[in-house]
């Protein structure tokens, strides 16, 4: 298609060709990003090796792209872990790492996941520039920040609790507490 548009150069003004080429480049970039995102929605590694391996993979991937160090600590996960719950935890961690890269300018992020007493707790801490949590939640509530809003909604759908603690200049702590589903004997 690109080749065909460039051949129409005799019939179309140079400025229009330039705009068409820019639009094509934008489409190609959007397609590549969409493919990358779809691979991250539920990576095969969750099914093949489990949540801990998926979180470690995500940490390596995010660290390489974001230029910050990511530490992962997973303890006490029940076996088997509910598939939807594993996906939720992965997606929350994914969003937190994306925010650390885009907004926080963090140099170090810790992801800690623990299972205790019929409950999972996910704690993600970064040493970035922090934020005003009330403003961030207000932007999410107004649809200006879809990442945080989707995390809050997903956690709510699992009867979980989401808490954010931050002070500008002090980094961010994101904590998710989730009940573990009953396992039939």
N, C-alpha and C. Protein backbone atom coordinates (compact mmCIF):
# COMPACT_ATOMS: atom_id res chain seq x y z
N UNK A 1 0.82 -1.19 0.00
CA UNK A 1 0.00 0.00 0.00
C UNK A 1 0.87 1.26 0.00
N UNK A 2 1.91 1.24 0.79
CA UNK A 2 2.79 2.40 0.88
C UNK A 2 3.39 2.72 -0.49
N UNK A 3 3.82 1.67 -1.17
CA UNK A 3 4.43 1.85 -2.48
C UNK A 3 3.44 2.50 -3.45
N UNK A 4 2.20 2.06 -3.41
CA UNK A 4 1.17 2.60 -4.30
C UNK A 4 0.94 4.08 -4.02
N UNK A 5 0.91 4.49 -2.76
CA UNK A 5 0.70 5.90 -2.44
C UNK A 5 1.86 6.76 -2.94
N UNK A 6 3.06 6.23 -2.84
CA UNK A 6 4.20 7.00 -3.30
C UNK A 6 4.19 7.15 -4.82
N UNK A 7 3.62 6.18 -5.55
CA UNK A 7 3.55 6.28 -6.99
C UNK A 7 2.54 7.34 -7.44
N UNK A 8 1.62 7.68 -6.59
CA UNK A 8 0.63 8.69 -6.95
C UNK A 8 1.20 10.10 -6.84
N UNK A 9 2.48 10.21 -6.61
CA UNK A 9 3.13 11.50 -6.39
C UNK A 9 2.91 12.50 -7.50
N UNK A 10 2.78 12.06 -8.73
CA UNK A 10 2.57 12.98 -9.83
C UNK A 10 1.21 13.65 -9.75
N UNK A 11 0.24 12.94 -9.13
CA UNK A 11 -1.12 13.45 -9.09
C UNK A 11 -1.43 14.22 -7.81
N UNK A 12 -0.64 14.05 -6.78
CA UNK A 12 -0.95 14.64 -5.47
C UNK A 12 0.16 15.60 -5.08
N UNK A 13 -0.21 16.66 -4.43
CA UNK A 13 0.77 17.65 -3.97
C UNK A 13 1.75 17.01 -2.99
N UNK A 14 2.96 17.53 -2.90
CA UNK A 14 4.00 17.01 -2.01
C UNK A 14 3.59 17.01 -0.55
N UNK A 15 2.88 18.04 -0.11
CA UNK A 15 2.45 18.13 1.28
C UNK A 15 1.48 17.00 1.62
N UNK A 16 0.59 16.69 0.69
CA UNK A 16 -0.37 15.61 0.91
C UNK A 16 0.35 14.27 1.01
N UNK A 17 1.36 14.07 0.17
CA UNK A 17 2.14 12.83 0.22
C UNK A 17 2.84 12.72 1.56
N UNK A 18 3.39 13.81 2.01
CA UNK A 18 4.06 13.82 3.30
C UNK A 18 3.09 13.44 4.43
N UNK A 19 1.89 14.01 4.40
CA UNK A 19 0.90 13.69 5.43
C UNK A 19 0.47 12.24 5.34
N UNK A 20 0.31 11.73 4.14
CA UNK A 20 -0.06 10.32 3.98
C UNK A 20 1.04 9.40 4.51
N UNK A 21 2.28 9.73 4.21
CA UNK A 21 3.39 8.92 4.71
C UNK A 21 3.46 8.96 6.24
N UNK A 22 3.20 10.13 6.82
CA UNK A 22 3.19 10.24 8.28
C UNK A 22 2.06 9.40 8.86
N UNK A 23 0.91 9.42 8.21
CA UNK A 23 -0.23 8.62 8.68
C UNK A 23 0.09 7.13 8.59
N UNK A 24 0.74 6.72 7.52
CA UNK A 24 1.13 5.31 7.38
C UNK A 24 2.13 4.91 8.46
N UNK A 25 3.08 5.76 8.74
CA UNK A 25 4.06 5.47 9.80
C UNK A 25 3.37 5.36 11.15
N UNK A 26 2.41 6.24 11.40
CA UNK A 26 1.65 6.20 12.64
C UNK A 26 0.87 4.88 12.75
N UNK A 27 0.26 4.46 11.65
CA UNK A 27 -0.48 3.19 11.64
C UNK A 27 0.45 2.02 11.89
N UNK A 28 1.62 2.02 11.27
CA UNK A 28 2.58 0.94 11.47
C UNK A 28 3.04 0.89 12.92
N UNK A 29 3.28 2.04 13.53
CA UNK A 29 3.68 2.10 14.93
C UNK A 29 2.56 1.60 15.83
N UNK A 30 1.34 2.05 15.56
CA UNK A 30 0.18 1.62 16.36
C UNK A 30 -0.01 0.11 16.27
N UNK A 31 0.16 -0.45 15.09
CA UNK A 31 0.02 -1.89 14.90
C UNK A 31 1.09 -2.64 15.68
N UNK A 32 2.32 -2.18 15.63
CA UNK A 32 3.41 -2.83 16.37
C UNK A 32 3.16 -2.76 17.87
N UNK A 33 2.69 -1.60 18.36
CA UNK A 33 2.41 -1.46 19.79
C UNK A 33 1.22 -2.32 20.20
N UNK A 34 0.21 -2.43 19.36
CA UNK A 34 -0.95 -3.27 19.66
C UNK A 34 -0.53 -4.73 19.74
N UNK A 35 0.33 -5.17 18.84
CA UNK A 35 0.82 -6.55 18.89
C UNK A 35 1.61 -6.80 20.16
N UNK A 36 2.45 -5.85 20.55
CA UNK A 36 3.24 -5.99 21.78
C UNK A 36 2.31 -6.05 23.00
N UNK A 37 1.30 -5.20 23.02
CA UNK A 37 0.36 -5.20 24.14
C UNK A 37 -0.43 -6.49 24.22
N UNK A 38 -0.83 -7.01 23.09
CA UNK A 38 -1.61 -8.25 23.10
C UNK A 38 -0.79 -9.41 23.64
N UNK A 39 0.51 -9.41 23.38
CA UNK A 39 1.37 -10.46 23.94
C UNK A 39 1.47 -10.32 25.45
N UNK A 40 1.35 -9.09 25.96
CA UNK A 40 1.46 -8.86 27.40
C UNK A 40 0.15 -9.06 28.14
N UNK A 41 -0.99 -9.14 27.43
CA UNK A 41 -2.27 -9.28 28.11
C UNK A 41 -2.31 -10.56 28.96
N UNK A 42 -2.01 -11.65 28.40
CA UNK A 42 -1.90 -12.91 29.12
C UNK A 42 -0.81 -13.70 28.44
N UNK A 43 0.41 -13.46 28.85
CA UNK A 43 1.51 -14.16 28.19
C UNK A 43 1.44 -15.67 28.45
N UNK A 44 1.88 -16.41 27.51
CA UNK A 44 1.87 -17.87 27.60
C UNK A 44 2.62 -18.36 28.83
N UNK A 45 3.61 -17.58 29.28
CA UNK A 45 4.41 -18.00 30.43
C UNK A 45 3.56 -18.17 31.68
N UNK A 46 2.44 -17.44 31.80
CA UNK A 46 1.54 -17.63 32.94
C UNK A 46 1.01 -19.06 32.97
N UNK A 47 0.63 -19.56 31.82
CA UNK A 47 0.11 -20.92 31.74
C UNK A 47 1.23 -21.97 31.81
N UNK A 48 2.34 -21.67 31.19
CA UNK A 48 3.42 -22.66 31.11
C UNK A 48 4.21 -22.78 32.41
N UNK A 49 4.57 -21.64 33.03
CA UNK A 49 5.48 -21.68 34.18
C UNK A 49 4.91 -21.06 35.45
N UNK A 50 3.77 -20.37 35.35
CA UNK A 50 3.15 -19.83 36.54
C UNK A 50 3.41 -18.34 36.74
N UNK A 51 2.76 -17.82 37.77
CA UNK A 51 2.78 -16.38 38.02
C UNK A 51 4.16 -15.86 38.40
N UNK A 52 4.88 -16.57 39.25
CA UNK A 52 6.19 -16.08 39.67
C UNK A 52 7.12 -15.90 38.47
N UNK A 53 7.17 -16.89 37.59
CA UNK A 53 8.01 -16.79 36.39
C UNK A 53 7.54 -15.65 35.50
N UNK A 54 6.21 -15.47 35.39
CA UNK A 54 5.68 -14.38 34.56
C UNK A 54 6.07 -13.02 35.14
N UNK A 55 6.01 -12.88 36.45
CA UNK A 55 6.41 -11.61 37.08
C UNK A 55 7.90 -11.34 36.88
N UNK A 56 8.71 -12.38 36.98
CA UNK A 56 10.15 -12.21 36.74
C UNK A 56 10.42 -11.82 35.29
N UNK A 57 9.70 -12.44 34.37
CA UNK A 57 9.83 -12.08 32.95
C UNK A 57 9.42 -10.62 32.73
N UNK A 58 8.29 -10.23 33.31
CA UNK A 58 7.81 -8.85 33.20
C UNK A 58 8.83 -7.88 33.78
N UNK A 59 9.43 -8.24 34.90
CA UNK A 59 10.44 -7.38 35.54
C UNK A 59 11.64 -7.19 34.61
N UNK A 60 12.12 -8.28 34.02
CA UNK A 60 13.27 -8.17 33.09
C UNK A 60 12.91 -7.32 31.88
N UNK A 61 11.73 -7.55 31.32
CA UNK A 61 11.28 -6.80 30.15
C UNK A 61 11.15 -5.31 30.48
N UNK A 62 10.51 -5.00 31.59
CA UNK A 62 10.30 -3.60 31.98
C UNK A 62 11.61 -2.92 32.33
N UNK A 63 12.50 -3.65 32.98
CA UNK A 63 13.80 -3.10 33.35
C UNK A 63 14.61 -2.74 32.11
N UNK A 64 14.59 -3.63 31.12
CA UNK A 64 15.33 -3.38 29.89
C UNK A 64 14.76 -2.18 29.14
N UNK A 65 13.42 -2.07 29.09
CA UNK A 65 12.80 -0.96 28.38
C UNK A 65 12.84 0.35 29.15
N UNK A 66 12.66 0.27 30.48
CA UNK A 66 12.51 1.47 31.29
C UNK A 66 13.79 2.01 31.88
N UNK A 67 14.85 1.21 31.88
CA UNK A 67 16.12 1.66 32.42
C UNK A 67 16.12 1.75 33.94
N UNK A 68 15.31 0.95 34.60
CA UNK A 68 15.32 0.91 36.06
C UNK A 68 15.41 -0.54 36.52
N UNK A 69 15.83 -0.73 37.76
CA UNK A 69 15.99 -2.06 38.33
C UNK A 69 14.65 -2.50 38.93
N UNK A 70 14.31 -3.77 38.72
CA UNK A 70 13.08 -4.33 39.29
C UNK A 70 13.44 -5.59 40.07
N UNK A 71 12.98 -5.63 41.31
CA UNK A 71 13.21 -6.76 42.19
C UNK A 71 11.86 -7.45 42.42
N UNK A 72 11.83 -8.77 42.31
CA UNK A 72 10.60 -9.53 42.50
C UNK A 72 10.79 -10.51 43.65
N UNK A 73 9.83 -10.52 44.57
CA UNK A 73 9.84 -11.43 45.71
C UNK A 73 8.45 -12.05 45.83
N UNK A 74 8.36 -13.37 45.62
CA UNK A 74 7.08 -14.07 45.66
C UNK A 74 7.19 -15.17 46.72
N UNK A 75 6.20 -15.19 47.63
CA UNK A 75 6.21 -16.19 48.71
C UNK A 75 4.80 -16.66 49.03
N UNK A 76 4.69 -17.94 49.29
CA UNK A 76 3.47 -18.51 49.83
C UNK A 76 2.28 -18.57 48.90
N UNK A 77 2.53 -18.66 47.60
CA UNK A 77 1.40 -18.76 46.67
C UNK A 77 0.79 -20.15 46.75
N UNK A 78 -0.55 -20.22 46.76
CA UNK A 78 -1.18 -21.54 46.75
C UNK A 78 -1.02 -22.19 45.38
N UNK A 79 -1.00 -23.51 45.39
CA UNK A 79 -0.94 -24.26 44.14
C UNK A 79 -2.19 -25.10 44.02
N UNK A 80 -2.91 -25.04 42.96
CA UNK A 80 -2.73 -24.11 41.86
C UNK A 80 -3.38 -22.77 42.19
N UNK A 81 -2.87 -21.72 41.61
CA UNK A 81 -3.42 -20.39 41.77
C UNK A 81 -4.48 -20.18 40.69
N UNK A 82 -5.61 -19.63 41.09
CA UNK A 82 -6.69 -19.35 40.16
C UNK A 82 -6.16 -18.58 38.95
N UNK A 83 -6.51 -19.03 37.77
CA UNK A 83 -6.01 -18.45 36.51
C UNK A 83 -6.38 -16.97 36.38
N UNK A 84 -7.63 -16.62 36.69
CA UNK A 84 -8.06 -15.22 36.57
C UNK A 84 -7.36 -14.34 37.60
N UNK A 85 -7.13 -14.87 38.78
CA UNK A 85 -6.42 -14.12 39.82
C UNK A 85 -4.97 -13.88 39.41
N UNK A 86 -4.34 -14.88 38.81
CA UNK A 86 -2.97 -14.73 38.33
C UNK A 86 -2.90 -13.65 37.25
N UNK A 87 -3.88 -13.63 36.35
CA UNK A 87 -3.92 -12.62 35.30
C UNK A 87 -4.10 -11.23 35.91
N UNK A 88 -4.97 -11.11 36.89
CA UNK A 88 -5.18 -9.83 37.56
C UNK A 88 -3.88 -9.31 38.18
N UNK A 89 -3.19 -10.16 38.90
CA UNK A 89 -1.95 -9.75 39.55
C UNK A 89 -0.92 -9.33 38.51
N UNK A 90 -0.81 -10.11 37.46
CA UNK A 90 0.13 -9.78 36.38
C UNK A 90 -0.20 -8.40 35.79
N UNK A 91 -1.49 -8.15 35.52
CA UNK A 91 -1.90 -6.88 34.90
C UNK A 91 -1.66 -5.69 35.83
N UNK A 92 -1.91 -5.87 37.13
CA UNK A 92 -1.65 -4.79 38.08
C UNK A 92 -0.15 -4.48 38.10
N UNK A 93 0.68 -5.51 38.15
CA UNK A 93 2.13 -5.30 38.14
C UNK A 93 2.56 -4.64 36.84
N UNK A 94 1.97 -5.05 35.73
CA UNK A 94 2.29 -4.48 34.43
C UNK A 94 1.98 -2.98 34.41
N UNK A 95 0.82 -2.61 34.91
CA UNK A 95 0.42 -1.20 34.94
C UNK A 95 1.32 -0.39 35.87
N UNK A 96 1.65 -0.95 37.03
CA UNK A 96 2.53 -0.25 37.97
C UNK A 96 3.92 -0.02 37.36
N UNK A 97 4.43 -1.01 36.65
CA UNK A 97 5.75 -0.84 36.01
C UNK A 97 5.68 0.16 34.86
N UNK A 98 4.58 0.16 34.13
CA UNK A 98 4.41 1.15 33.06
C UNK A 98 4.36 2.56 33.64
N UNK A 99 3.66 2.73 34.77
CA UNK A 99 3.60 4.04 35.42
C UNK A 99 4.97 4.45 35.95
N UNK A 100 5.71 3.49 36.49
CA UNK A 100 7.06 3.80 36.99
C UNK A 100 7.95 4.29 35.86
N UNK A 101 7.75 3.72 34.68
CA UNK A 101 8.54 4.13 33.52
C UNK A 101 8.08 5.48 32.97
N UNK A 102 6.78 5.65 32.79
CA UNK A 102 6.25 6.85 32.13
C UNK A 102 6.23 8.08 33.03
N UNK A 103 5.85 7.89 34.27
CA UNK A 103 5.57 9.04 35.13
C UNK A 103 6.53 9.22 36.30
N UNK A 104 6.95 8.12 36.91
CA UNK A 104 7.67 8.22 38.18
C UNK A 104 9.15 8.53 38.03
N UNK A 105 9.72 8.19 36.89
CA UNK A 105 11.16 8.33 36.70
C UNK A 105 11.91 7.58 37.81
N UNK A 106 11.43 6.38 38.10
CA UNK A 106 12.01 5.56 39.16
C UNK A 106 13.32 4.92 38.71
N UNK A 107 14.17 4.63 39.67
CA UNK A 107 15.39 3.88 39.37
C UNK A 107 15.32 2.47 39.94
N UNK A 108 14.38 2.25 40.88
CA UNK A 108 14.25 0.94 41.50
C UNK A 108 12.79 0.69 41.84
N UNK A 109 12.32 -0.51 41.52
CA UNK A 109 10.95 -0.93 41.82
C UNK A 109 11.01 -2.30 42.48
N UNK A 110 10.22 -2.48 43.53
CA UNK A 110 10.12 -3.77 44.21
C UNK A 110 8.69 -4.28 44.04
N UNK A 111 8.58 -5.54 43.61
CA UNK A 111 7.29 -6.22 43.52
C UNK A 111 7.33 -7.35 44.54
N UNK A 112 6.44 -7.30 45.52
CA UNK A 112 6.38 -8.34 46.54
C UNK A 112 4.97 -8.92 46.56
N UNK A 113 4.88 -10.23 46.37
CA UNK A 113 3.60 -10.93 46.37
C UNK A 113 3.65 -12.02 47.42
N UNK A 114 2.72 -11.96 48.37
CA UNK A 114 2.69 -12.96 49.43
C UNK A 114 1.29 -13.54 49.57
N UNK A 115 1.26 -14.81 49.88
CA UNK A 115 0.01 -15.50 50.16
C UNK A 115 0.02 -15.96 51.60
N UNK A 116 -1.00 -15.52 52.36
CA UNK A 116 -1.12 -15.89 53.77
C UNK A 116 -2.58 -15.86 54.18
N UNK A 117 -2.98 -16.84 54.95
CA UNK A 117 -4.30 -16.85 55.59
C UNK A 117 -5.43 -16.51 54.61
N UNK A 118 -5.50 -17.25 53.52
CA UNK A 118 -6.58 -17.09 52.54
C UNK A 118 -6.60 -15.72 51.88
N UNK A 119 -5.44 -15.08 51.78
CA UNK A 119 -5.36 -13.75 51.20
C UNK A 119 -4.03 -13.60 50.45
N UNK A 120 -4.10 -12.91 49.31
CA UNK A 120 -2.89 -12.52 48.58
C UNK A 120 -2.69 -11.03 48.78
N UNK A 121 -1.44 -10.65 48.98
CA UNK A 121 -1.10 -9.24 49.08
C UNK A 121 -0.01 -8.94 48.06
N UNK A 122 -0.29 -7.98 47.21
CA UNK A 122 0.66 -7.51 46.21
C UNK A 122 1.10 -6.11 46.62
N UNK A 123 2.38 -5.93 46.81
CA UNK A 123 2.93 -4.63 47.16
C UNK A 123 3.95 -4.25 46.10
N UNK A 124 3.75 -3.08 45.51
CA UNK A 124 4.69 -2.58 44.50
C UNK A 124 5.14 -1.20 44.96
N UNK A 125 6.44 -1.06 45.13
CA UNK A 125 7.02 0.18 45.65
C UNK A 125 8.05 0.68 44.65
N UNK A 126 7.98 1.97 44.32
CA UNK A 126 9.02 2.57 43.48
C UNK A 126 9.65 3.74 44.22
N UNK A 127 10.85 4.09 43.78
CA UNK A 127 11.57 5.22 44.40
C UNK A 127 11.51 6.45 43.50
N UNK A 128 10.44 6.56 42.75
CA UNK A 128 10.30 7.66 41.80
C UNK A 128 9.90 8.96 42.45
N UNK A 129 9.41 9.87 41.62
CA UNK A 129 9.12 11.22 42.10
C UNK A 129 7.81 11.33 42.86
N UNK A 130 7.04 10.25 42.92
CA UNK A 130 5.80 10.27 43.68
C UNK A 130 4.73 11.10 43.01
N UNK A 131 3.59 11.21 43.68
CA UNK A 131 2.49 11.96 43.12
C UNK A 131 1.51 12.32 44.23
N UNK A 132 0.57 13.15 43.89
CA UNK A 132 -0.54 13.45 44.78
C UNK A 132 -1.60 12.39 44.47
N UNK A 133 -1.80 11.46 45.40
CA UNK A 133 -2.69 10.32 45.17
C UNK A 133 -4.12 10.78 44.90
N UNK A 134 -4.60 11.76 45.64
CA UNK A 134 -5.97 12.24 45.43
C UNK A 134 -6.15 12.80 44.03
N UNK A 135 -5.17 13.54 43.54
CA UNK A 135 -5.26 14.08 42.17
C UNK A 135 -5.23 12.94 41.15
N UNK A 136 -4.36 11.95 41.38
CA UNK A 136 -4.26 10.82 40.45
C UNK A 136 -5.58 10.05 40.40
N UNK A 137 -6.19 9.82 41.57
CA UNK A 137 -7.48 9.12 41.60
C UNK A 137 -8.58 9.97 40.97
N UNK A 138 -8.53 11.28 41.16
CA UNK A 138 -9.53 12.16 40.54
C UNK A 138 -9.41 12.10 39.02
N UNK A 139 -8.17 12.13 38.49
CA UNK A 139 -7.97 12.03 37.04
C UNK A 139 -8.48 10.69 36.53
N UNK A 140 -8.23 9.63 37.31
CA UNK A 140 -8.72 8.31 36.91
C UNK A 140 -10.24 8.29 36.90
N UNK A 141 -10.86 8.90 37.89
CA UNK A 141 -12.31 8.95 37.96
C UNK A 141 -12.95 9.74 36.84
N UNK A 142 -12.20 10.69 36.29
CA UNK A 142 -12.70 11.52 35.18
C UNK A 142 -12.34 10.93 33.82
N UNK A 143 -11.70 9.77 33.83
CA UNK A 143 -11.34 9.11 32.58
C UNK A 143 -10.06 9.63 31.95
N UNK A 144 -9.31 10.48 32.66
CA UNK A 144 -8.07 11.03 32.11
C UNK A 144 -6.91 10.05 32.25
N UNK A 145 -7.02 9.11 33.17
CA UNK A 145 -5.95 8.15 33.43
C UNK A 145 -6.56 6.76 33.46
N UNK A 146 -6.58 6.10 32.34
CA UNK A 146 -7.28 4.82 32.26
C UNK A 146 -6.56 3.69 32.99
N UNK A 147 -5.25 3.76 33.12
CA UNK A 147 -4.50 2.69 33.76
C UNK A 147 -4.90 2.49 35.21
N UNK A 148 -4.86 3.54 35.98
CA UNK A 148 -5.21 3.46 37.39
C UNK A 148 -6.69 3.11 37.57
N UNK A 149 -7.53 3.67 36.74
CA UNK A 149 -8.97 3.36 36.81
C UNK A 149 -9.22 1.88 36.52
N UNK A 150 -8.53 1.32 35.54
CA UNK A 150 -8.75 -0.09 35.21
C UNK A 150 -8.21 -0.99 36.32
N UNK A 151 -7.10 -0.61 36.94
CA UNK A 151 -6.58 -1.39 38.07
C UNK A 151 -7.60 -1.39 39.20
N UNK A 152 -8.11 -0.22 39.55
CA UNK A 152 -9.08 -0.11 40.64
C UNK A 152 -10.33 -0.94 40.34
N UNK A 153 -10.80 -0.89 39.11
CA UNK A 153 -12.01 -1.64 38.74
C UNK A 153 -11.76 -3.14 38.77
N UNK A 154 -10.63 -3.59 38.25
CA UNK A 154 -10.31 -5.01 38.26
C UNK A 154 -10.21 -5.55 39.69
N UNK A 155 -9.53 -4.80 40.54
CA UNK A 155 -9.38 -5.22 41.94
C UNK A 155 -10.75 -5.29 42.61
N UNK A 156 -11.59 -4.31 42.36
CA UNK A 156 -12.94 -4.29 42.93
C UNK A 156 -13.74 -5.51 42.48
N UNK A 157 -13.62 -5.89 41.21
CA UNK A 157 -14.35 -7.05 40.69
C UNK A 157 -13.95 -8.35 41.37
N UNK A 158 -12.75 -8.39 41.94
CA UNK A 158 -12.27 -9.58 42.65
C UNK A 158 -12.46 -9.45 44.16
N UNK A 159 -13.29 -8.48 44.57
CA UNK A 159 -13.55 -8.21 45.99
C UNK A 159 -12.27 -7.88 46.75
N UNK A 160 -11.36 -7.21 46.06
CA UNK A 160 -10.09 -6.84 46.67
C UNK A 160 -10.08 -5.40 47.12
N UNK A 161 -8.96 -5.04 47.73
CA UNK A 161 -8.75 -3.68 48.20
C UNK A 161 -7.50 -3.12 47.52
N UNK A 162 -7.59 -1.89 47.07
CA UNK A 162 -6.46 -1.19 46.46
C UNK A 162 -6.15 0.02 47.32
N UNK A 163 -4.88 0.19 47.66
CA UNK A 163 -4.48 1.41 48.36
C UNK A 163 -3.21 1.94 47.72
N UNK A 164 -3.15 3.25 47.65
CA UNK A 164 -1.99 3.95 47.10
C UNK A 164 -1.49 4.92 48.16
N UNK A 165 -0.18 4.94 48.35
CA UNK A 165 0.43 5.89 49.26
C UNK A 165 1.59 6.55 48.54
N UNK A 166 1.60 7.86 48.58
CA UNK A 166 2.68 8.59 47.92
C UNK A 166 2.70 10.01 48.41
N UNK A 167 3.88 10.56 48.35
CA UNK A 167 4.09 11.98 48.60
C UNK A 167 4.99 12.46 47.47
N UNK A 168 4.67 13.59 46.86
CA UNK A 168 5.56 14.08 45.81
C UNK A 168 7.02 14.07 46.27
N UNK A 169 7.87 13.48 45.45
CA UNK A 169 9.29 13.37 45.76
C UNK A 169 9.67 12.15 46.58
N UNK A 170 8.69 11.34 46.97
CA UNK A 170 8.95 10.21 47.88
C UNK A 170 8.64 8.84 47.29
N UNK A 171 8.31 8.73 46.03
CA UNK A 171 7.98 7.43 45.46
C UNK A 171 6.53 7.08 45.68
N UNK A 172 6.18 5.84 45.33
CA UNK A 172 4.80 5.39 45.40
C UNK A 172 4.74 3.97 45.93
N UNK A 173 3.74 3.69 46.76
CA UNK A 173 3.44 2.33 47.21
C UNK A 173 2.03 1.99 46.74
N UNK A 174 1.93 0.91 46.00
CA UNK A 174 0.64 0.40 45.56
C UNK A 174 0.45 -0.94 46.26
N UNK A 175 -0.66 -1.09 46.97
CA UNK A 175 -0.93 -2.33 47.69
C UNK A 175 -2.30 -2.86 47.27
N UNK A 176 -2.34 -4.14 46.93
CA UNK A 176 -3.58 -4.81 46.58
C UNK A 176 -3.72 -6.02 47.49
N UNK A 177 -4.88 -6.11 48.15
CA UNK A 177 -5.20 -7.27 48.97
C UNK A 177 -6.38 -7.98 48.33
N UNK A 178 -6.21 -9.28 48.11
CA UNK A 178 -7.22 -10.07 47.41
C UNK A 178 -7.54 -11.34 48.19
N UNK A 179 -8.83 -11.64 48.35
CA UNK A 179 -9.18 -12.91 48.98
C UNK A 179 -8.88 -14.07 48.03
N UNK A 180 -8.43 -15.17 48.57
CA UNK A 180 -8.21 -16.35 47.76
C UNK A 180 -9.52 -17.12 47.64
N UNK A 181 -9.84 -17.60 46.46
CA UNK A 181 -11.08 -18.36 46.31
C UNK A 181 -10.99 -19.68 47.07
N UNK A 182 -12.14 -20.16 47.51
CA UNK A 182 -12.21 -21.46 48.18
C UNK A 182 -11.80 -22.54 47.19
N UNK A 183 -11.03 -23.49 47.66
CA UNK A 183 -10.60 -24.61 46.81
C UNK A 183 -11.39 -25.84 47.24
N UNK A 184 -12.05 -26.47 46.30
CA UNK A 184 -12.82 -27.67 46.58
C UNK A 184 -11.88 -28.86 46.75
N UNK A 185 -12.14 -29.71 47.77
CA UNK A 185 -11.24 -30.88 47.98
C UNK A 185 -11.43 -31.93 46.92
